Amino acid sequence: KKGKLQISFKTHKENLIKSIKTEIMENNSNVSDMTVDFIRTYGFNDITYEKMIKTYEEIELHDIIKEAQNILKLDSRCTINVTK
């Protein structure tokens, strides 16, 4: 598939963090599923909401690109191109 972000990474990240904080404050049923995925993805044994949010705050676009490239190496049909 081919696609591109319709909004900047910074805005997308801010929106994600804001939605996580809102979920925590209002209803943490979705956040508990997200936490399980987060623990599996990042290899943490246990994590607090504060640590999870801090990790998201520290992620930069180049981290996402590096991870995507590692995943896509497994399939020779896939490529990733970064444009500004």
N, C-alpha and C. Protein backbone atom coordinates (compact mmCIF):
# COMPACT_ATOMS: atom_id res chain seq x y z
N LYS A 1 0.84 -1.19 0.00
CA LYS A 1 0.00 0.00 0.00
C LYS A 1 0.87 1.24 0.00
N LYS A 2 0.32 2.31 -0.53
CA LYS A 2 1.06 3.57 -0.56
C LYS A 2 0.21 4.61 0.14
N GLY A 3 0.85 5.44 0.92
CA GLY A 3 0.10 6.48 1.61
C GLY A 3 1.03 7.48 2.25
N LYS A 4 0.45 8.54 2.75
CA LYS A 4 1.26 9.52 3.45
C LYS A 4 0.42 10.16 4.55
N LEU A 5 1.11 10.69 5.54
CA LEU A 5 0.40 11.37 6.62
C LEU A 5 -0.28 12.62 6.08
N GLN A 6 -1.52 12.79 6.46
CA GLN A 6 -2.25 13.98 6.03
C GLN A 6 -1.99 15.16 6.97
N ILE A 7 -1.48 14.85 8.16
CA ILE A 7 -1.11 15.91 9.11
C ILE A 7 0.33 15.66 9.54
N SER A 8 0.96 16.66 10.14
CA SER A 8 2.35 16.50 10.54
C SER A 8 2.47 15.45 11.65
N PHE A 9 3.64 14.84 11.73
CA PHE A 9 3.88 13.85 12.76
C PHE A 9 3.71 14.46 14.15
N LYS A 10 4.20 15.68 14.32
CA LYS A 10 4.11 16.36 15.62
C LYS A 10 2.64 16.51 16.04
N THR A 11 1.80 16.94 15.12
CA THR A 11 0.37 17.11 15.42
C THR A 11 -0.27 15.76 15.71
N HIS A 12 0.08 14.75 14.91
CA HIS A 12 -0.47 13.40 15.11
C HIS A 12 -0.09 12.88 16.50
N LYS A 13 1.17 13.09 16.89
CA LYS A 13 1.65 12.62 18.19
C LYS A 13 0.92 13.35 19.32
N GLU A 14 0.77 14.68 19.18
CA GLU A 14 0.07 15.46 20.21
C GLU A 14 -1.38 14.98 20.35
N ASN A 15 -2.03 14.71 19.22
CA ASN A 15 -3.42 14.23 19.26
C ASN A 15 -3.52 12.86 19.92
N LEU A 16 -2.55 11.98 19.63
CA LEU A 16 -2.54 10.65 20.23
C LEU A 16 -2.38 10.75 21.75
N ILE A 17 -1.42 11.55 22.20
CA ILE A 17 -1.18 11.69 23.64
C ILE A 17 -2.40 12.30 24.32
N LYS A 18 -3.00 13.29 23.69
CA LYS A 18 -4.20 13.92 24.24
C LYS A 18 -5.33 12.90 24.36
N SER A 19 -5.50 12.05 23.34
CA SER A 19 -6.58 11.06 23.39
C SER A 19 -6.32 10.01 24.47
N ILE A 20 -5.05 9.64 24.65
CA ILE A 20 -4.71 8.68 25.72
C ILE A 20 -5.05 9.28 27.08
N LYS A 21 -4.65 10.54 27.29
CA LYS A 21 -4.94 11.19 28.57
C LYS A 21 -6.45 11.30 28.79
N THR A 22 -7.20 11.59 27.74
CA THR A 22 -8.66 11.69 27.85
C THR A 22 -9.25 10.34 28.21
N GLU A 23 -8.78 9.28 27.55
CA GLU A 23 -9.27 7.92 27.85
C GLU A 23 -8.99 7.56 29.31
N ILE A 24 -7.81 7.91 29.80
CA ILE A 24 -7.45 7.59 31.18
C ILE A 24 -8.40 8.30 32.14
N MET A 25 -8.70 9.56 31.84
CA MET A 25 -9.54 10.35 32.74
C MET A 25 -11.00 9.90 32.69
N GLU A 26 -11.50 9.52 31.51
CA GLU A 26 -12.92 9.23 31.35
C GLU A 26 -13.26 7.75 31.54
N ASN A 27 -12.55 6.91 30.80
CA ASN A 27 -12.92 5.50 30.80
C ASN A 27 -11.69 4.72 30.36
N ASN A 28 -11.11 3.96 31.25
CA ASN A 28 -9.84 3.34 30.89
C ASN A 28 -9.98 1.94 30.30
N SER A 29 -11.15 1.57 29.78
CA SER A 29 -11.30 0.24 29.19
C SER A 29 -10.45 0.11 27.93
N ASN A 30 -10.46 1.12 27.06
CA ASN A 30 -9.64 1.06 25.85
C ASN A 30 -8.16 1.18 26.19
N VAL A 31 -7.86 1.96 27.21
CA VAL A 31 -6.46 2.17 27.59
C VAL A 31 -5.84 0.88 28.10
N SER A 32 -6.63 0.04 28.79
CA SER A 32 -6.06 -1.21 29.29
C SER A 32 -5.65 -2.11 28.13
N ASP A 33 -6.44 -2.15 27.05
CA ASP A 33 -6.06 -2.92 25.85
C ASP A 33 -4.81 -2.31 25.23
N MET A 34 -4.77 -0.98 25.16
CA MET A 34 -3.62 -0.28 24.58
C MET A 34 -2.37 -0.57 25.40
N THR A 35 -2.51 -0.63 26.72
CA THR A 35 -1.37 -0.89 27.60
C THR A 35 -0.80 -2.29 27.35
N VAL A 36 -1.69 -3.27 27.18
CA VAL A 36 -1.24 -4.64 26.89
C VAL A 36 -0.45 -4.66 25.58
N ASP A 37 -0.97 -3.99 24.54
CA ASP A 37 -0.25 -3.90 23.26
C ASP A 37 1.09 -3.20 23.43
N PHE A 38 1.09 -2.14 24.22
CA PHE A 38 2.31 -1.35 24.46
C PHE A 38 3.37 -2.22 25.13
N ILE A 39 2.96 -2.98 26.14
CA ILE A 39 3.90 -3.85 26.87
C ILE A 39 4.49 -4.89 25.93
N ARG A 40 3.64 -5.46 25.05
CA ARG A 40 4.13 -6.46 24.08
C ARG A 40 5.08 -5.82 23.08
N THR A 41 4.72 -4.64 22.57
CA THR A 41 5.51 -3.96 21.54
C THR A 41 6.87 -3.56 22.06
N TYR A 42 6.91 -2.95 23.25
CA TYR A 42 8.16 -2.40 23.75
C TYR A 42 8.89 -3.31 24.73
N GLY A 43 8.30 -4.46 25.05
CA GLY A 43 8.98 -5.44 25.88
C GLY A 43 9.06 -5.09 27.36
N PHE A 44 8.17 -4.22 27.83
CA PHE A 44 8.16 -3.91 29.26
C PHE A 44 7.44 -5.03 30.01
N ASN A 45 7.87 -5.29 31.24
CA ASN A 45 7.17 -6.25 32.09
C ASN A 45 5.93 -5.63 32.69
N ASP A 46 6.05 -4.38 33.05
CA ASP A 46 4.94 -3.66 33.67
C ASP A 46 5.13 -2.19 33.34
N ILE A 47 4.05 -1.46 33.26
CA ILE A 47 4.20 -0.05 32.91
C ILE A 47 3.03 0.74 33.49
N THR A 48 3.32 1.97 33.88
CA THR A 48 2.28 2.87 34.36
C THR A 48 1.83 3.75 33.20
N TYR A 49 0.67 4.37 33.35
CA TYR A 49 0.19 5.30 32.33
C TYR A 49 1.20 6.43 32.11
N GLU A 50 1.81 6.89 33.21
CA GLU A 50 2.78 7.98 33.11
C GLU A 50 3.97 7.58 32.25
N LYS A 51 4.49 6.35 32.47
CA LYS A 51 5.62 5.87 31.67
C LYS A 51 5.22 5.72 30.21
N MET A 52 4.00 5.23 29.98
CA MET A 52 3.53 5.03 28.62
C MET A 52 3.45 6.37 27.89
N ILE A 53 2.87 7.35 28.52
CA ILE A 53 2.75 8.68 27.90
C ILE A 53 4.13 9.28 27.67
N LYS A 54 5.03 9.14 28.65
CA LYS A 54 6.39 9.68 28.49
C LYS A 54 7.10 9.02 27.31
N THR A 55 6.92 7.72 27.14
CA THR A 55 7.53 7.03 26.00
C THR A 55 7.00 7.58 24.69
N TYR A 56 5.69 7.77 24.61
CA TYR A 56 5.10 8.35 23.39
C TYR A 56 5.62 9.76 23.14
N GLU A 57 5.78 10.53 24.22
CA GLU A 57 6.27 11.90 24.07
C GLU A 57 7.70 11.94 23.52
N GLU A 58 8.48 10.91 23.84
CA GLU A 58 9.88 10.88 23.42
C GLU A 58 10.09 10.30 22.03
N ILE A 59 9.08 9.64 21.47
CA ILE A 59 9.21 9.05 20.14
C ILE A 59 9.28 10.15 19.09
N GLU A 60 10.23 10.01 18.19
CA GLU A 60 10.39 10.95 17.08
C GLU A 60 10.09 10.23 15.78
N LEU A 61 9.88 11.00 14.73
CA LEU A 61 9.54 10.41 13.44
C LEU A 61 10.61 9.43 12.96
N HIS A 62 11.89 9.76 13.18
CA HIS A 62 12.95 8.85 12.71
C HIS A 62 12.88 7.50 13.40
N ASP A 63 12.35 7.46 14.66
CA ASP A 63 12.17 6.17 15.35
C ASP A 63 11.13 5.32 14.62
N ILE A 64 10.05 5.97 14.19
CA ILE A 64 8.98 5.27 13.48
C ILE A 64 9.50 4.75 12.14
N ILE A 65 10.25 5.58 11.43
CA ILE A 65 10.80 5.19 10.13
C ILE A 65 11.75 4.01 10.28
N LYS A 66 12.61 4.07 11.29
CA LYS A 66 13.56 2.98 11.53
C LYS A 66 12.83 1.67 11.80
N GLU A 67 11.79 1.72 12.64
CA GLU A 67 11.01 0.53 12.97
C GLU A 67 10.30 -0.01 11.73
N ALA A 68 9.72 0.90 10.93
CA ALA A 68 9.03 0.49 9.71
C ALA A 68 10.00 -0.18 8.75
N GLN A 69 11.19 0.37 8.62
CA GLN A 69 12.19 -0.21 7.71
C GLN A 69 12.59 -1.61 8.17
N ASN A 70 12.73 -1.79 9.49
CA ASN A 70 13.07 -3.12 10.02
C ASN A 70 11.98 -4.13 9.70
N ILE A 71 10.72 -3.72 9.83
CA ILE A 71 9.60 -4.61 9.53
C ILE A 71 9.54 -4.91 8.04
N LEU A 72 9.71 -3.87 7.22
CA LEU A 72 9.57 -4.04 5.78
C LEU A 72 10.71 -4.85 5.16
N LYS A 73 11.86 -4.93 5.85
CA LYS A 73 12.97 -5.75 5.35
C LYS A 73 12.56 -7.21 5.22
N LEU A 74 11.56 -7.60 6.00
CA LEU A 74 11.12 -8.99 5.99
C LEU A 74 10.37 -9.33 4.70
N ASP A 75 9.94 -8.33 3.97
CA ASP A 75 9.18 -8.56 2.74
C ASP A 75 9.80 -7.75 1.61
N SER A 76 10.40 -8.43 0.67
CA SER A 76 11.13 -7.74 -0.40
C SER A 76 10.22 -6.93 -1.32
N ARG A 77 8.90 -7.16 -1.23
CA ARG A 77 7.97 -6.39 -2.07
C ARG A 77 7.76 -4.98 -1.54
N CYS A 78 8.16 -4.74 -0.28
CA CYS A 78 7.85 -3.47 0.36
C CYS A 78 9.04 -2.52 0.36
N THR A 79 8.75 -1.26 0.21
CA THR A 79 9.76 -0.20 0.34
C THR A 79 9.14 0.94 1.12
N ILE A 80 10.00 1.76 1.71
CA ILE A 80 9.51 2.95 2.41
C ILE A 80 10.31 4.15 1.92
N ASN A 81 9.61 5.17 1.52
CA ASN A 81 10.25 6.40 1.07
C ASN A 81 9.81 7.53 1.98
N VAL A 82 10.78 8.30 2.44
CA VAL A 82 10.49 9.43 3.34
C VAL A 82 10.60 10.72 2.54
N THR A 83 9.52 11.49 2.55
CA THR A 83 9.53 12.78 1.86
C THR A 83 9.20 13.86 2.88
N LYS A 84 9.59 15.09 2.56
CA LYS A 84 9.32 16.20 3.48
C LYS A 84 8.13 17.00 2.99
